[in-house]
Amino acid sequence: MGQSKKRLKIAVILRTPGIEYDDRVRKECISLSKIADLKLLVAFENNVQEEGITSYGIPYQSFRLYTRERFRSGRYLLLKALEFYWKTKKQLKDYDLIWAHEEYNFLFPVMAKKGKFIWDLHEIPELFDRPILKELFHYIERRSKVIIHANPHRIQYLVERGMIKTPSKNRSIRNFPDETFINSNLEPPGYNDIKSWLSDRAYVYLQGISSPDRYPFNTIISIMRSTNLKIVVVGSFKNEEIIELLKSEFGQEFYERIYFTGMINQLATPSIIRNALFSMVFYQTNTPNERYCEANRFYQSLVFGVPVIVGSNEPMAELVEKYQCGIALASDGIDITAIEKAISKLINSIDYYKDKTTSIRERLLWSDLSIQNLCY
């Protein structure tokens, strides 16, 4: 019999508005917890200091940073990063591996022992795409166990930019849903109100569209103008200008056809996704991060057999075109008329697209091994 692998101790470094809203972190922690003892060391955006256990069973400790109180958001980031590192430093020596999320936690990879850290980049590290900092990225790459990226398109982009020097040190882990998410029966607060409002009408599922770079106005108005479908919008939506424009355009119909749930637990979203007719995911392509994006909500819809309309962003568009699980636009979502035409085409052949989408479910499942194998 082969020798069993040692159970590891892993410190997970994270800055976040809320642990329960970060689905990638949840999936990775569940996968890692099967081979390791974990602890999340966290800087919350509200700067609260506390200890607890996540809903998925991982202990966490958050740290209150003086520099975050002293300096407003977006300023003196290096000082804030230094304080976060300094406050966690004593604990880090007790762990076999440091799993640091995002580019702003780069001090943890810089300070960690060679081969004892994984750098998990949710976004393209644009901060390092300049001469001096590019050398720092190369230094981190040489010393890393592995650097994780969201998809192979991002790795290829960084290779072309001369950021990645050793492709073998870099891996892509796509944000596929896991079985915990798929099998979740959690319902959000006010779920009965949502069902009552829907009244068995067909609806479009939208999530996380508040930011202007996700074309919230184009997304909503194209549905309102070209269909009589209802719309459920999950996540924060604080763009009052767009809300007022929609109210002015549609009057009472705005209230009858659009429901804003606000922020809800990620594991409660399947209750809304499952019965949606389709979904739409758009990102501007003005920056590499936007161009090479593939959102959680993209895969979350597909895994429930819900077709999607996406923009021209390569990671999503290539998959949609390959498997015919929706429609990919020639533009990134800026063309409202093109969106309306895509909606009509999708609805007219909805059974075809739903069948195609349902058939690829097994290709889009999260793999524990893809995460666990990085640690040894």
Protein backbone atom coordinates (compact mmCIF):
# COMPACT_ATOMS: atom_id res chain seq x y z
CA MET A 1 0.00 0.00 0.00
CA GLY A 2 1.16 3.53 -0.78
CA GLN A 3 2.06 5.87 2.01
CA SER A 4 -0.79 8.21 2.92
CA LYS A 5 -0.20 11.92 2.43
CA LYS A 6 0.40 14.09 5.46
CA ARG A 7 -2.58 16.17 6.58
CA LEU A 8 -1.55 19.76 6.11
CA LYS A 9 -2.14 22.99 8.02
CA ILE A 10 -3.08 25.82 5.67
CA ALA A 11 -3.57 29.52 6.44
CA VAL A 12 -5.97 31.19 3.98
CA ILE A 13 -5.40 34.94 3.61
CA LEU A 14 -8.34 37.02 2.45
CA ARG A 15 -9.75 40.53 2.26
CA THR A 16 -13.48 40.55 1.63
CA PRO A 17 -16.77 42.35 2.30
CA GLY A 18 -18.10 39.05 3.70
CA ILE A 19 -16.92 35.44 3.75
CA GLU A 20 -20.37 34.06 3.00
CA TYR A 21 -20.59 36.03 -0.26
CA ASP A 22 -17.29 34.75 -1.71
CA ASP A 23 -18.21 31.56 -3.53
CA ARG A 24 -14.73 30.78 -4.86
CA VAL A 25 -13.26 30.92 -1.36
CA ARG A 26 -16.06 28.69 -0.05
CA LYS A 27 -15.45 26.05 -2.74
CA GLU A 28 -11.70 26.05 -2.27
CA CYS A 29 -11.95 25.82 1.50
CA ILE A 30 -14.35 22.86 1.34
CA SER A 31 -12.00 21.07 -1.07
CA LEU A 32 -8.93 21.83 1.06
CA SER A 33 -10.61 20.87 4.34
CA LYS A 34 -10.67 17.25 3.15
CA ILE A 35 -6.87 17.11 3.23
CA ALA A 36 -5.92 19.93 5.61
CA ASP A 37 -6.74 21.87 8.76
CA LEU A 38 -7.61 25.41 7.69
CA LYS A 39 -7.93 28.81 9.23
CA LEU A 40 -9.07 31.95 7.44
CA LEU A 41 -7.14 35.10 8.37
CA VAL A 42 -9.32 37.93 7.16
CA ALA A 43 -9.45 41.70 6.72
CA PHE A 44 -13.12 42.62 6.40
CA GLU A 45 -14.06 45.76 4.51
CA ASN A 46 -16.00 47.00 7.54
CA ASN A 47 -12.78 46.57 9.58
CA VAL A 48 -14.43 44.54 12.33
CA GLN A 49 -12.31 42.32 14.59
CA GLU A 50 -13.86 38.97 15.46
CA GLU A 51 -13.49 35.20 15.47
CA GLY A 52 -15.97 32.60 14.32
CA ILE A 53 -16.74 29.67 12.06
CA THR A 54 -18.08 30.00 8.52
CA SER A 55 -21.34 28.36 7.47
CA TYR A 56 -19.18 25.71 5.75
CA GLY A 57 -17.28 24.86 8.93
CA ILE A 58 -13.96 26.74 8.59
CA PRO A 59 -12.69 28.82 11.54
CA TYR A 60 -11.78 32.41 10.81
CA GLN A 61 -10.19 35.37 12.56
CA SER A 62 -10.54 38.92 11.31
CA PHE A 63 -8.27 41.83 12.14
CA ARG A 64 -9.01 45.47 12.79
CA LEU A 65 -6.49 47.64 10.96
CA TYR A 66 -5.57 51.06 12.33
CA THR A 67 -4.48 52.19 8.88
CA ARG A 68 -7.96 51.49 7.48
CA GLU A 69 -9.46 53.72 10.14
CA ARG A 70 -6.85 56.42 9.61
CA PHE A 71 -6.83 56.52 5.79
CA ARG A 72 -9.85 56.42 3.52
CA SER A 73 -10.48 53.62 1.04
CA GLY A 74 -8.07 53.43 -1.91
CA ARG A 75 -5.22 55.31 -0.20
CA TYR A 76 -1.98 54.11 1.41
CA LEU A 77 -2.64 50.55 0.30
CA LEU A 78 0.92 49.43 1.00
CA LEU A 79 0.69 50.61 4.61
CA LYS A 80 -2.59 48.73 5.03
CA ALA A 81 -1.07 45.60 3.50
CA LEU A 82 1.96 45.86 5.80
CA GLU A 83 -0.24 46.16 8.89
CA PHE A 84 -2.36 43.18 7.83
CA TYR A 85 0.77 41.08 7.30
CA TRP A 86 2.32 42.19 10.59
CA LYS A 87 -0.80 41.33 12.59
CA THR A 88 -0.93 37.79 11.18
CA LYS A 89 2.84 37.10 11.09
CA LYS A 90 3.09 35.26 14.41
CA GLN A 91 0.37 32.78 13.44
CA LEU A 92 1.80 32.03 9.99
CA LYS A 93 4.83 30.12 11.28
CA ASP A 94 2.51 27.35 12.49
CA TYR A 95 1.27 26.49 8.97
CA ASP A 96 2.67 24.27 6.23
CA LEU A 97 1.24 26.40 3.47
CA ILE A 98 -0.03 29.95 3.00
CA TRP A 99 -2.88 30.35 0.50
CA ALA A 100 -3.06 34.08 -0.27
CA HIS A 101 -5.96 35.48 -2.29
CA GLU A 102 -5.70 38.38 -4.73
CA GLU A 103 -2.92 40.72 -5.79
CA TYR A 104 -3.34 43.13 -2.84
CA ASN A 105 -2.15 40.36 -0.48
CA PHE A 106 1.16 40.04 -2.36
CA LEU A 107 3.20 40.70 0.80
CA PHE A 108 2.32 37.22 2.08
CA PRO A 109 3.94 35.52 -0.95
CA VAL A 110 6.87 37.95 -0.78
CA MET A 111 7.54 37.14 2.87
CA ALA A 112 6.75 33.40 2.81
CA LYS A 113 9.39 30.70 2.50
CA LYS A 114 10.12 29.45 -1.00
CA GLY A 115 7.65 26.80 -2.13
CA LYS A 116 5.44 27.33 0.92
CA PHE A 117 2.74 29.52 -0.59
CA ILE A 118 0.06 29.56 -3.25
CA TRP A 119 -1.04 32.87 -4.74
CA ASP A 120 -4.67 32.77 -5.85
CA LEU A 121 -5.33 35.58 -8.34
CA HIS A 122 -9.05 36.12 -8.88
CA GLU A 123 -8.22 38.94 -11.31
CA ILE A 124 -5.39 39.81 -13.70
CA PRO A 125 -2.68 41.44 -11.51
CA GLU A 126 -2.58 44.73 -13.42
CA LEU A 127 -0.73 46.40 -10.53
CA PHE A 128 2.40 44.46 -11.52
CA ASP A 129 2.30 45.31 -15.23
CA ARG A 130 5.01 47.96 -14.95
CA PRO A 131 8.82 47.55 -15.03
CA ILE A 132 9.80 47.50 -11.34
CA LEU A 133 6.72 45.66 -10.10
CA LYS A 134 6.94 43.18 -12.97
CA GLU A 135 10.29 42.10 -11.52
CA LEU A 136 8.59 41.63 -8.16
CA PHE A 137 5.98 39.42 -9.84
CA HIS A 138 8.80 37.34 -11.38
CA TYR A 139 10.37 37.03 -7.92
CA ILE A 140 7.10 35.78 -6.45
CA GLU A 141 6.61 33.39 -9.37
CA ARG A 142 10.08 31.84 -8.90
CA ARG A 143 9.47 31.26 -5.21
CA SER A 144 5.85 30.12 -5.42
CA LYS A 145 4.50 26.61 -5.20
CA VAL A 146 1.91 27.64 -7.75
CA ILE A 147 0.01 30.73 -8.90
CA ILE A 148 -3.69 30.23 -9.65
CA HIS A 149 -5.64 32.10 -12.35
CA ALA A 150 -9.35 32.04 -13.19
CA ASN A 151 -8.97 30.67 -16.73
CA PRO A 152 -6.33 29.79 -19.36
CA HIS A 153 -7.09 32.97 -21.31
CA ARG A 154 -5.68 35.03 -18.46
CA ILE A 155 -2.52 32.94 -18.29
CA GLN A 156 -1.99 33.34 -22.02
CA TYR A 157 -2.47 37.10 -21.75
CA LEU A 158 0.12 37.33 -18.96
CA VAL A 159 2.57 35.20 -20.95
CA GLU A 160 2.17 37.55 -23.91
CA ARG A 161 2.73 40.56 -21.62
CA GLY A 162 5.98 39.05 -20.34
CA MET A 163 4.61 38.79 -16.79
CA ILE A 164 4.63 35.02 -16.60
CA LYS A 165 8.11 33.62 -17.13
CA THR A 166 7.49 30.06 -15.96
CA PRO A 167 4.14 28.79 -17.28
CA SER A 168 4.57 25.51 -15.38
CA LYS A 169 4.20 27.46 -12.11
CA ASN A 170 0.77 28.75 -13.17
CA ARG A 171 -2.55 26.90 -13.18
CA SER A 172 -6.09 27.85 -14.15
CA ILE A 173 -9.00 26.86 -11.92
CA ARG A 174 -12.28 27.80 -13.54
CA ASN A 175 -15.09 28.87 -11.27
CA PHE A 176 -17.38 25.88 -11.81
CA PRO A 177 -20.18 25.30 -9.27
CA ASP A 178 -19.67 22.52 -6.74
CA GLU A 179 -22.09 19.85 -5.52
CA THR A 180 -22.79 21.79 -2.33
CA PHE A 181 -24.04 24.71 -4.41
CA ILE A 182 -26.00 22.54 -6.85
CA ASN A 183 -27.72 20.56 -4.10
CA SER A 184 -28.44 23.53 -1.85
CA ASN A 185 -32.07 23.91 -0.76
CA LEU A 186 -31.42 27.13 1.15
CA GLU A 187 -33.99 29.83 0.52
CA PRO A 188 -33.29 33.57 0.83
CA PRO A 189 -35.19 35.78 3.27
CA GLY A 190 -38.50 36.75 1.72
CA TYR A 191 -38.48 33.81 -0.69
CA ASN A 192 -42.25 33.38 -0.40
CA ASP A 193 -42.65 37.04 -1.34
CA ILE A 194 -40.54 36.46 -4.47
CA LYS A 195 -42.65 33.43 -5.45
CA SER A 196 -45.86 35.33 -4.83
CA TRP A 197 -44.61 38.25 -6.93
CA LEU A 198 -43.61 35.91 -9.78
CA SER A 199 -47.06 34.28 -9.71
CA ASP A 200 -45.80 31.40 -11.90
CA ARG A 201 -44.76 33.82 -14.66
CA ALA A 202 -41.61 33.12 -16.72
CA TYR A 203 -38.64 35.23 -15.64
CA VAL A 204 -35.04 36.12 -16.43
CA TYR A 205 -32.38 35.63 -13.75
CA LEU A 206 -29.80 38.40 -13.36
CA GLN A 207 -27.07 38.66 -10.73
CA GLY A 208 -24.41 41.20 -9.82
CA ILE A 209 -25.20 43.78 -12.50
CA SER A 210 -24.96 47.00 -10.50
CA SER A 211 -21.52 48.04 -11.78
CA PRO A 212 -21.56 50.19 -14.96
CA ASP A 213 -19.00 47.92 -16.64
CA ARG A 214 -21.63 45.14 -16.60
CA TYR A 215 -24.14 47.11 -18.68
CA PRO A 216 -27.02 47.07 -16.16
CA PHE A 217 -29.19 49.51 -18.13
CA ASN A 218 -28.69 47.69 -21.45
CA THR A 219 -29.36 44.35 -19.78
CA ILE A 220 -32.65 45.32 -18.15
CA ILE A 221 -34.10 47.58 -20.81
CA SER A 222 -33.50 45.04 -23.59
CA ILE A 223 -35.63 42.51 -21.68
CA MET A 224 -38.32 45.05 -20.84
CA ARG A 225 -38.65 46.28 -24.42
CA SER A 226 -38.51 42.95 -26.26
CA THR A 227 -40.49 40.65 -23.93
CA ASN A 228 -43.20 40.57 -21.29
CA LEU A 229 -40.99 38.48 -18.99
CA LYS A 230 -40.40 39.29 -15.36
CA ILE A 231 -36.87 39.92 -14.08
CA VAL A 232 -35.30 38.87 -10.78
CA VAL A 233 -32.12 40.82 -9.96
CA VAL A 234 -29.96 39.22 -7.25
CA GLY A 235 -27.27 41.19 -5.45
CA SER A 236 -26.70 44.77 -4.49
CA PHE A 237 -28.10 47.34 -6.93
CA LYS A 238 -27.41 50.90 -5.79
CA ASN A 239 -27.34 52.65 -9.15
CA GLU A 240 -30.12 55.15 -8.49
CA GLU A 241 -29.63 56.90 -11.84
CA ILE A 242 -30.47 53.72 -13.74
CA ILE A 243 -33.41 52.94 -11.46
CA GLU A 244 -34.85 56.41 -12.07
CA LEU A 245 -34.37 56.04 -15.84
CA LEU A 246 -36.23 52.73 -15.80
CA LYS A 247 -39.03 54.11 -13.64
CA SER A 248 -39.40 57.06 -15.99
CA GLU A 249 -39.51 54.77 -19.03
CA PHE A 250 -41.86 52.09 -17.67
CA GLY A 251 -43.81 53.63 -14.79
CA GLN A 252 -45.89 51.08 -12.88
CA GLU A 253 -44.55 48.32 -15.12
CA PHE A 254 -41.16 48.79 -13.43
CA TYR A 255 -42.61 47.51 -10.15
CA GLU A 256 -44.65 44.77 -11.78
CA ARG A 257 -41.80 43.25 -13.75
CA ILE A 258 -38.53 43.84 -11.84
CA TYR A 259 -37.71 42.41 -8.40
CA PHE A 260 -34.49 43.39 -6.59
CA THR A 261 -33.61 40.84 -3.91
CA GLY A 262 -30.56 42.66 -2.53
CA MET A 263 -27.57 40.70 -1.21
CA ILE A 264 -28.33 37.07 -0.36
CA ASN A 265 -26.24 34.07 0.63
CA GLN A 266 -24.64 32.40 -2.40
CA LEU A 267 -26.15 29.06 -1.38
CA ALA A 268 -29.64 30.59 -1.57
CA THR A 269 -29.31 31.61 -5.23
CA PRO A 270 -30.07 28.11 -6.67
CA SER A 271 -33.64 28.50 -5.42
CA ILE A 272 -34.00 31.39 -7.89
CA ILE A 273 -31.78 30.17 -10.73
CA ARG A 274 -33.38 26.73 -11.17
CA ASN A 275 -36.64 27.87 -12.73
CA ALA A 276 -35.37 30.85 -14.75
CA LEU A 277 -36.03 30.90 -18.49
CA PHE A 278 -32.56 32.28 -19.25
CA SER A 279 -29.88 34.62 -17.92
CA MET A 280 -27.56 37.28 -19.34
CA VAL A 281 -23.94 38.14 -18.45
CA PHE A 282 -22.16 41.17 -19.90
CA TYR A 283 -18.81 42.82 -19.20
CA GLN A 284 -17.17 45.68 -21.02
CA THR A 285 -13.97 44.71 -22.81
CA ASN A 286 -12.06 47.93 -22.08
CA THR A 287 -9.57 46.26 -19.72
CA PRO A 288 -7.98 42.79 -19.70
CA ASN A 289 -9.78 41.91 -16.45
CA GLU A 290 -13.14 42.65 -18.03
CA ARG A 291 -12.31 41.11 -21.40
CA TYR A 292 -11.16 37.80 -19.92
CA CYS A 293 -13.85 37.56 -17.28
CA GLU A 294 -16.10 34.56 -16.71
CA ALA A 295 -18.38 35.22 -13.80
CA ASN A 296 -19.68 32.81 -11.15
CA ARG A 297 -23.21 33.54 -12.31
CA PHE A 298 -22.31 32.42 -15.84
CA TYR A 299 -21.51 28.86 -14.76
CA GLN A 300 -24.16 28.84 -12.04
CA SER A 301 -26.88 29.37 -14.62
CA LEU A 302 -25.51 26.80 -17.07
CA VAL A 303 -25.21 24.05 -14.48
CA PHE A 304 -28.96 24.31 -13.83
CA GLY A 305 -29.75 24.06 -17.54
CA VAL A 306 -30.47 27.78 -17.86
CA PRO A 307 -29.17 29.15 -21.19
CA VAL A 308 -27.23 32.41 -21.24
CA ILE A 309 -26.75 35.39 -23.51
CA VAL A 310 -23.21 36.72 -23.19
CA GLY A 311 -21.02 39.38 -24.76
CA SER A 312 -17.94 38.87 -26.87
CA ASN A 313 -15.65 38.19 -23.88
CA GLU A 314 -13.63 35.21 -25.11
CA PRO A 315 -13.81 32.81 -22.12
CA MET A 316 -17.62 32.90 -22.04
CA ALA A 317 -18.27 33.40 -25.76
CA GLU A 318 -16.08 30.46 -26.81
CA LEU A 319 -17.84 28.08 -24.43
CA VAL A 320 -21.32 29.25 -25.44
CA GLU A 321 -20.55 28.91 -29.14
CA LYS A 322 -18.88 25.51 -28.71
CA TYR A 323 -21.76 23.92 -26.80
CA GLN A 324 -24.69 26.03 -28.11
CA CYS A 325 -25.79 26.69 -24.54
CA GLY A 326 -26.99 30.17 -25.39
CA ILE A 327 -26.03 33.05 -27.65
CA ALA A 328 -22.78 35.03 -27.79
CA LEU A 329 -23.00 38.56 -29.19
CA ALA A 330 -20.52 40.07 -31.63
CA SER A 331 -20.15 43.00 -29.19
CA ASP A 332 -19.63 43.11 -25.43
CA GLY A 333 -23.19 44.18 -24.60
CA ILE A 334 -23.02 47.81 -25.67
CA ASP A 335 -25.50 47.25 -28.54
CA ILE A 336 -29.04 47.10 -27.13
CA THR A 337 -30.57 46.19 -30.49
CA ALA A 338 -28.22 43.20 -30.78
CA ILE A 339 -29.25 42.05 -27.29
CA GLU A 340 -32.94 42.31 -28.20
CA LYS A 341 -32.38 40.23 -31.34
CA ALA A 342 -30.51 37.61 -29.29
CA ILE A 343 -33.36 37.46 -26.77
CA SER A 344 -35.91 36.86 -29.55
CA LYS A 345 -33.74 34.18 -31.13
CA LEU A 346 -33.23 32.42 -27.78
CA ILE A 347 -36.91 32.48 -26.82
CA ASN A 348 -38.00 31.24 -30.24
CA SER A 349 -35.75 28.17 -29.83
CA ILE A 350 -35.75 27.91 -26.05
CA ASP A 351 -36.25 24.12 -25.94
CA TYR A 352 -33.22 23.60 -28.20
CA TYR A 353 -31.00 25.83 -26.05
CA LYS A 354 -32.22 24.32 -22.78
CA ASP A 355 -31.52 20.80 -24.07
CA LYS A 356 -28.02 21.81 -25.16
CA THR A 357 -27.35 23.51 -21.84
CA THR A 358 -28.58 20.56 -19.78
CA SER A 359 -26.36 18.18 -21.76
CA ILE A 360 -23.10 19.84 -20.67
CA ARG A 361 -23.76 19.89 -16.93
CA GLU A 362 -21.14 17.24 -16.12
CA ARG A 363 -18.45 19.29 -17.89
CA LEU A 364 -19.01 22.22 -15.55
CA LEU A 365 -18.59 20.68 -12.10
CA TRP A 366 -16.01 21.77 -9.54
CA SER A 367 -13.28 19.21 -8.83
CA ASP A 368 -11.85 18.78 -5.32
CA LEU A 369 -8.76 17.13 -6.79
CA SER A 370 -7.94 20.13 -8.98
CA ILE A 371 -7.43 22.11 -5.75
CA GLN A 372 -5.98 19.38 -3.54
CA ASN A 373 -3.29 18.32 -6.00
CA LEU A 374 -1.78 21.80 -5.91
CA CYS A 375 -0.79 21.36 -2.28
CA TYR A 376 1.62 18.40 -2.58
